[in-house]
């Protein structure tokens, strides 16, 4: 599918769709929302984010992970960090909704906070020639970066 006039894209529960479509070069913003109930998070292929480098107009990327009890691994963290400096407005957040969790919420929050800190540090390390403005949410459940 090629939609040449598409400017804003919302993807729900699929990173794979980034590789499945020929994306319009005119896309300016993308929101990716992944829900634990709908996604086998362990198989999320974060390498699909690399395709975003082919979108010259892209300036905003929001990634929202709902009810996730497992954070992305180190390799995925690096892939996500590599994408951030290509975009002027980047956000990556863990969220909870009314969902009966069958996992240890405190442990999940600690892992998510650790991941957000790791992601922030990797983005800063990659931003040597740019001075990003980074806001980490209270409780370290997400971060927003502006370049």
Foldseek 3Di string as FASTA:
>chain_A
DEDQVAAEEEAEQALCVLVVDDYHLNHAEYEYEHEPVRYPVVPHDLLSLVSCLSNQNHAYYHYEYEPDQDDDDPVSLLSLLVNVVSHQKYKYFYYYDPDDDPDDPVNSLVNQLVSLVVSVVSNVVVQPVHDKDKDQDVSRRMMMIGD
